[in-house]
């Protein structure tokens, strides 16, 4: 009998509980899309944080709020421009993929640079 007396209180509390937020899904790259259209779609995603723009760097970085997905979008003057690269964390690995719209050798240089950042650590 006590269960039935407590049931209304439990139902009221569960109705007031916050719903867990669904995990945010970020767009994968679609290299069949034109560079400008894809860059615009990627930058328009909610919960994507742009890194501060450095005028000396010919690309922009955008990262998910949780840091598990990042995009690099080249600007004119960057090796391989136009190009878009994406890094996704999967467990302890970081997977780099990309769309080489421009010069393949420049894209490979950019890919090597981005992969090198995965292993960079701040000195003590």
C-alpha atoms as a PDB file:
ATOM      1  CA  UNK A   1       0.000   0.000   0.000  1.00  0.00           C
ATOM      2  CA  UNK A   2       2.842   2.434   0.765  1.00  0.00           C
ATOM      3  CA  UNK A   3       4.003   2.146  -2.861  1.00  0.00           C
ATOM      4  CA  UNK A   4       0.713   3.546  -4.133  1.00  0.00           C
ATOM      5  CA  UNK A   5       0.940   6.431  -1.662  1.00  0.00           C
ATOM      6  CA  UNK A   6       4.448   7.356  -2.885  1.00  0.00           C
ATOM      7  CA  UNK A   7       3.754   6.843  -6.607  1.00  0.00           C
ATOM      8  CA  UNK A   8       2.254  10.324  -7.249  1.00  0.00           C
ATOM      9  CA  UNK A   9       5.324  11.972  -5.688  1.00  0.00           C
ATOM     10  CA  UNK A  10       7.691   9.868  -7.822  1.00  0.00           C
ATOM     11  CA  UNK A  11       5.784  10.690 -10.997  1.00  0.00           C
ATOM     12  CA  UNK A  12       5.864  14.401 -10.146  1.00  0.00           C
ATOM     13  CA  UNK A  13       9.623  14.318  -9.543  1.00  0.00           C
ATOM     14  CA  UNK A  14      10.315  12.417 -12.746  1.00  0.00           C
ATOM     15  CA  UNK A  15       8.258  14.932 -14.732  1.00  0.00           C
ATOM     16  CA  UNK A  16      10.419  17.745 -13.346  1.00  0.00           C
ATOM     17  CA  UNK A  17      13.733  16.019 -14.042  1.00  0.00           C
ATOM     18  CA  UNK A  18      15.817  17.555 -16.823  1.00  0.00           C
ATOM     19  CA  UNK A  19      16.000  15.564 -20.005  1.00  0.00           C
ATOM     20  CA  UNK A  20      19.514  14.499 -20.899  1.00  0.00           C
ATOM     21  CA  UNK A  21      20.811  16.427 -23.887  1.00  0.00           C
ATOM     22  CA  UNK A  22      21.240  14.345 -26.985  1.00  0.00           C
ATOM     23  CA  UNK A  23      24.854  14.173 -28.125  1.00  0.00           C
ATOM     24  CA  UNK A  24      25.684  16.678 -30.843  1.00  0.00           C
ATOM     25  CA  UNK A  25      26.446  15.133 -34.233  1.00  0.00           C
ATOM     26  CA  UNK A  26      28.857  16.982 -36.495  1.00  0.00           C
ATOM     27  CA  UNK A  27      28.877  16.826 -40.275  1.00  0.00           C
ATOM     28  CA  UNK A  28      31.211  14.424 -42.018  1.00  0.00           C
ATOM     29  CA  UNK A  29      33.045  15.626 -45.087  1.00  0.00           C
ATOM     30  CA  UNK A  30      31.426  15.118 -48.477  1.00  0.00           C
ATOM     31  CA  UNK A  31      34.136  15.708 -51.079  1.00  0.00           C
ATOM     32  CA  UNK A  32      31.514  15.658 -53.863  1.00  0.00           C
ATOM     33  CA  UNK A  33      30.216  19.021 -52.566  1.00  0.00           C
ATOM     34  CA  UNK A  34      31.919  22.158 -53.880  1.00  0.00           C
ATOM     35  CA  UNK A  35      34.474  23.726 -51.518  1.00  0.00           C
ATOM     36  CA  UNK A  36      32.487  26.906 -50.754  1.00  0.00           C
ATOM     37  CA  UNK A  37      29.211  25.054 -50.132  1.00  0.00           C
ATOM     38  CA  UNK A  38      30.859  22.541 -47.825  1.00  0.00           C
ATOM     39  CA  UNK A  39      32.861  25.182 -45.928  1.00  0.00           C
ATOM     40  CA  UNK A  40      29.709  27.255 -45.392  1.00  0.00           C
ATOM     41  CA  UNK A  41      27.742  24.234 -44.131  1.00  0.00           C
ATOM     42  CA  UNK A  42      30.528  23.201 -41.747  1.00  0.00           C
ATOM     43  CA  UNK A  43      30.951  26.698 -40.304  1.00  0.00           C
ATOM     44  CA  UNK A  44      27.183  27.055 -39.780  1.00  0.00           C
ATOM     45  CA  UNK A  45      26.975  24.083 -37.396  1.00  0.00           C
ATOM     46  CA  UNK A  46      25.772  24.813 -33.884  1.00  0.00           C
ATOM     47  CA  UNK A  47      28.158  24.074 -31.029  1.00  0.00           C
ATOM     48  CA  UNK A  48      31.181  24.635 -33.295  1.00  0.00           C
ATOM     49  CA  UNK A  49      33.797  26.958 -31.812  1.00  0.00           C
ATOM     50  CA  UNK A  50      36.081  28.920 -34.154  1.00  0.00           C
ATOM     51  CA  UNK A  51      39.693  29.261 -33.043  1.00  0.00           C
ATOM     52  CA  UNK A  52      40.916  32.854 -32.856  1.00  0.00           C
ATOM     53  CA  UNK A  53      41.845  33.982 -36.348  1.00  0.00           C
ATOM     54  CA  UNK A  54      45.579  34.447 -36.903  1.00  0.00           C
ATOM     55  CA  UNK A  55      46.203  36.721 -39.903  1.00  0.00           C
ATOM     56  CA  UNK A  56      49.558  34.979 -40.469  1.00  0.00           C
ATOM     57  CA  UNK A  57      47.906  31.572 -40.919  1.00  0.00           C
ATOM     58  CA  UNK A  58      46.251  30.761 -44.278  1.00  0.00           C
ATOM     59  CA  UNK A  59      43.537  28.576 -42.756  1.00  0.00           C
ATOM     60  CA  UNK A  60      40.868  28.568 -40.051  1.00  0.00           C
ATOM     61  CA  UNK A  61      40.255  25.971 -37.359  1.00  0.00           C
ATOM     62  CA  UNK A  62      36.821  25.135 -35.973  1.00  0.00           C
ATOM     63  CA  UNK A  63      36.308  22.632 -33.152  1.00  0.00           C
ATOM     64  CA  UNK A  64      33.378  20.997 -31.443  1.00  0.00           C
ATOM     65  CA  UNK A  65      32.674  22.158 -27.915  1.00  0.00           C
ATOM     66  CA  UNK A  66      33.797  18.761 -26.597  1.00  0.00           C
ATOM     67  CA  UNK A  67      37.029  18.895 -28.646  1.00  0.00           C
ATOM     68  CA  UNK A  68      36.378  15.557 -30.350  1.00  0.00           C
ATOM     69  CA  UNK A  69      35.799  16.955 -33.868  1.00  0.00           C
ATOM     70  CA  UNK A  70      37.844  19.653 -35.612  1.00  0.00           C
ATOM     71  CA  UNK A  71      37.861  21.137 -39.083  1.00  0.00           C
ATOM     72  CA  UNK A  72      40.605  23.004 -40.927  1.00  0.00           C
ATOM     73  CA  UNK A  73      39.397  25.158 -43.822  1.00  0.00           C
ATOM     74  CA  UNK A  74      42.075  26.703 -46.018  1.00  0.00           C
ATOM     75  CA  UNK A  75      42.207  30.313 -47.137  1.00  0.00           C
ATOM     76  CA  UNK A  76      43.940  31.603 -50.279  1.00  0.00           C
ATOM     77  CA  UNK A  77      47.703  31.148 -49.955  1.00  0.00           C
ATOM     78  CA  UNK A  78      47.478  27.908 -47.968  1.00  0.00           C
ATOM     79  CA  UNK A  79      49.194  24.799 -49.318  1.00  0.00           C
ATOM     80  CA  UNK A  80      46.657  22.794 -51.295  1.00  0.00           C
ATOM     81  CA  UNK A  81      44.016  25.551 -51.245  1.00  0.00           C
ATOM     82  CA  UNK A  82      41.156  25.012 -51.559  1.00  0.00           C
ATOM     83  CA  UNK A  83      41.030  22.137 -49.074  1.00  0.00           C
ATOM     84  CA  UNK A  84      39.079  21.062 -46.006  1.00  0.00           C
ATOM     85  CA  UNK A  85      40.362  18.636 -43.402  1.00  0.00           C
ATOM     86  CA  UNK A  86      38.613  17.028 -40.457  1.00  0.00           C
ATOM     87  CA  UNK A  87      39.970  15.318 -37.361  1.00  0.00           C
ATOM     88  CA  UNK A  88      37.808  13.077 -35.195  1.00  0.00           C
ATOM     89  CA  UNK A  89      38.796  11.547 -31.882  1.00  0.00           C
ATOM     90  CA  UNK A  90      37.965   7.866 -31.641  1.00  0.00           C
ATOM     91  CA  UNK A  91      39.060   6.492 -28.315  1.00  0.00           C
ATOM     92  CA  UNK A  92      42.740   7.397 -27.974  1.00  0.00           C
ATOM     93  CA  UNK A  93      43.178   7.804 -31.756  1.00  0.00           C
ATOM     94  CA  UNK A  94      42.683  10.906 -33.877  1.00  0.00           C
ATOM     95  CA  UNK A  95      41.576  10.173 -37.445  1.00  0.00           C
ATOM     96  CA  UNK A  96      42.381  12.784 -40.112  1.00  0.00           C
ATOM     97  CA  UNK A  97      40.379  12.915 -43.342  1.00  0.00           C
ATOM     98  CA  UNK A  98      40.023  15.615 -45.936  1.00  0.00           C
ATOM     99  CA  UNK A  99      38.911  16.908 -49.305  1.00  0.00           C
ATOM    100  CA  UNK A 100      41.729  18.016 -51.618  1.00  0.00           C
ATOM    101  CA  UNK A 101      40.045  20.422 -54.019  1.00  0.00           C
ATOM    102  CA  UNK A 102      43.334  22.055 -55.060  1.00  0.00           C
ATOM    103  CA  UNK A 103      46.978  21.068 -55.507  1.00  0.00           C
ATOM    104  CA  UNK A 104      47.540  17.475 -54.299  1.00  0.00           C
ATOM    105  CA  UNK A 105      51.160  18.069 -53.209  1.00  0.00           C
ATOM    106  CA  UNK A 106      50.077  21.064 -51.125  1.00  0.00           C
ATOM    107  CA  UNK A 107      47.227  19.036 -49.656  1.00  0.00           C
ATOM    108  CA  UNK A 108      49.671  16.266 -48.671  1.00  0.00           C
ATOM    109  CA  UNK A 109      51.874  18.887 -46.981  1.00  0.00           C
ATOM    110  CA  UNK A 110      48.875  20.215 -45.065  1.00  0.00           C
ATOM    111  CA  UNK A 111      47.806  16.677 -44.096  1.00  0.00           C
ATOM    112  CA  UNK A 112      51.311  15.939 -42.742  1.00  0.00           C
ATOM    113  CA  UNK A 113      51.249  19.197 -40.750  1.00  0.00           C
ATOM    114  CA  UNK A 114      47.859  18.395 -39.236  1.00  0.00           C
ATOM    115  CA  UNK A 115      48.886  14.825 -38.411  1.00  0.00           C
ATOM    116  CA  UNK A 116      52.016  16.218 -36.747  1.00  0.00           C
ATOM    117  CA  UNK A 117      49.857  18.270 -34.399  1.00  0.00           C
ATOM    118  CA  UNK A 118      48.345  15.046 -33.021  1.00  0.00           C
ATOM    119  CA  UNK A 119      51.681  14.159 -31.434  1.00  0.00           C
ATOM    120  CA  UNK A 120      52.677  17.628 -30.227  1.00  0.00           C
ATOM    121  CA  UNK A 121      52.922  18.119 -26.487  1.00  0.00           C
ATOM    122  CA  UNK A 122      53.778  21.224 -24.503  1.00  0.00           C
ATOM    123  CA  UNK A 123      57.265  21.076 -22.956  1.00  0.00           C
ATOM    124  CA  UNK A 124      57.588  21.163 -19.183  1.00  0.00           C
END
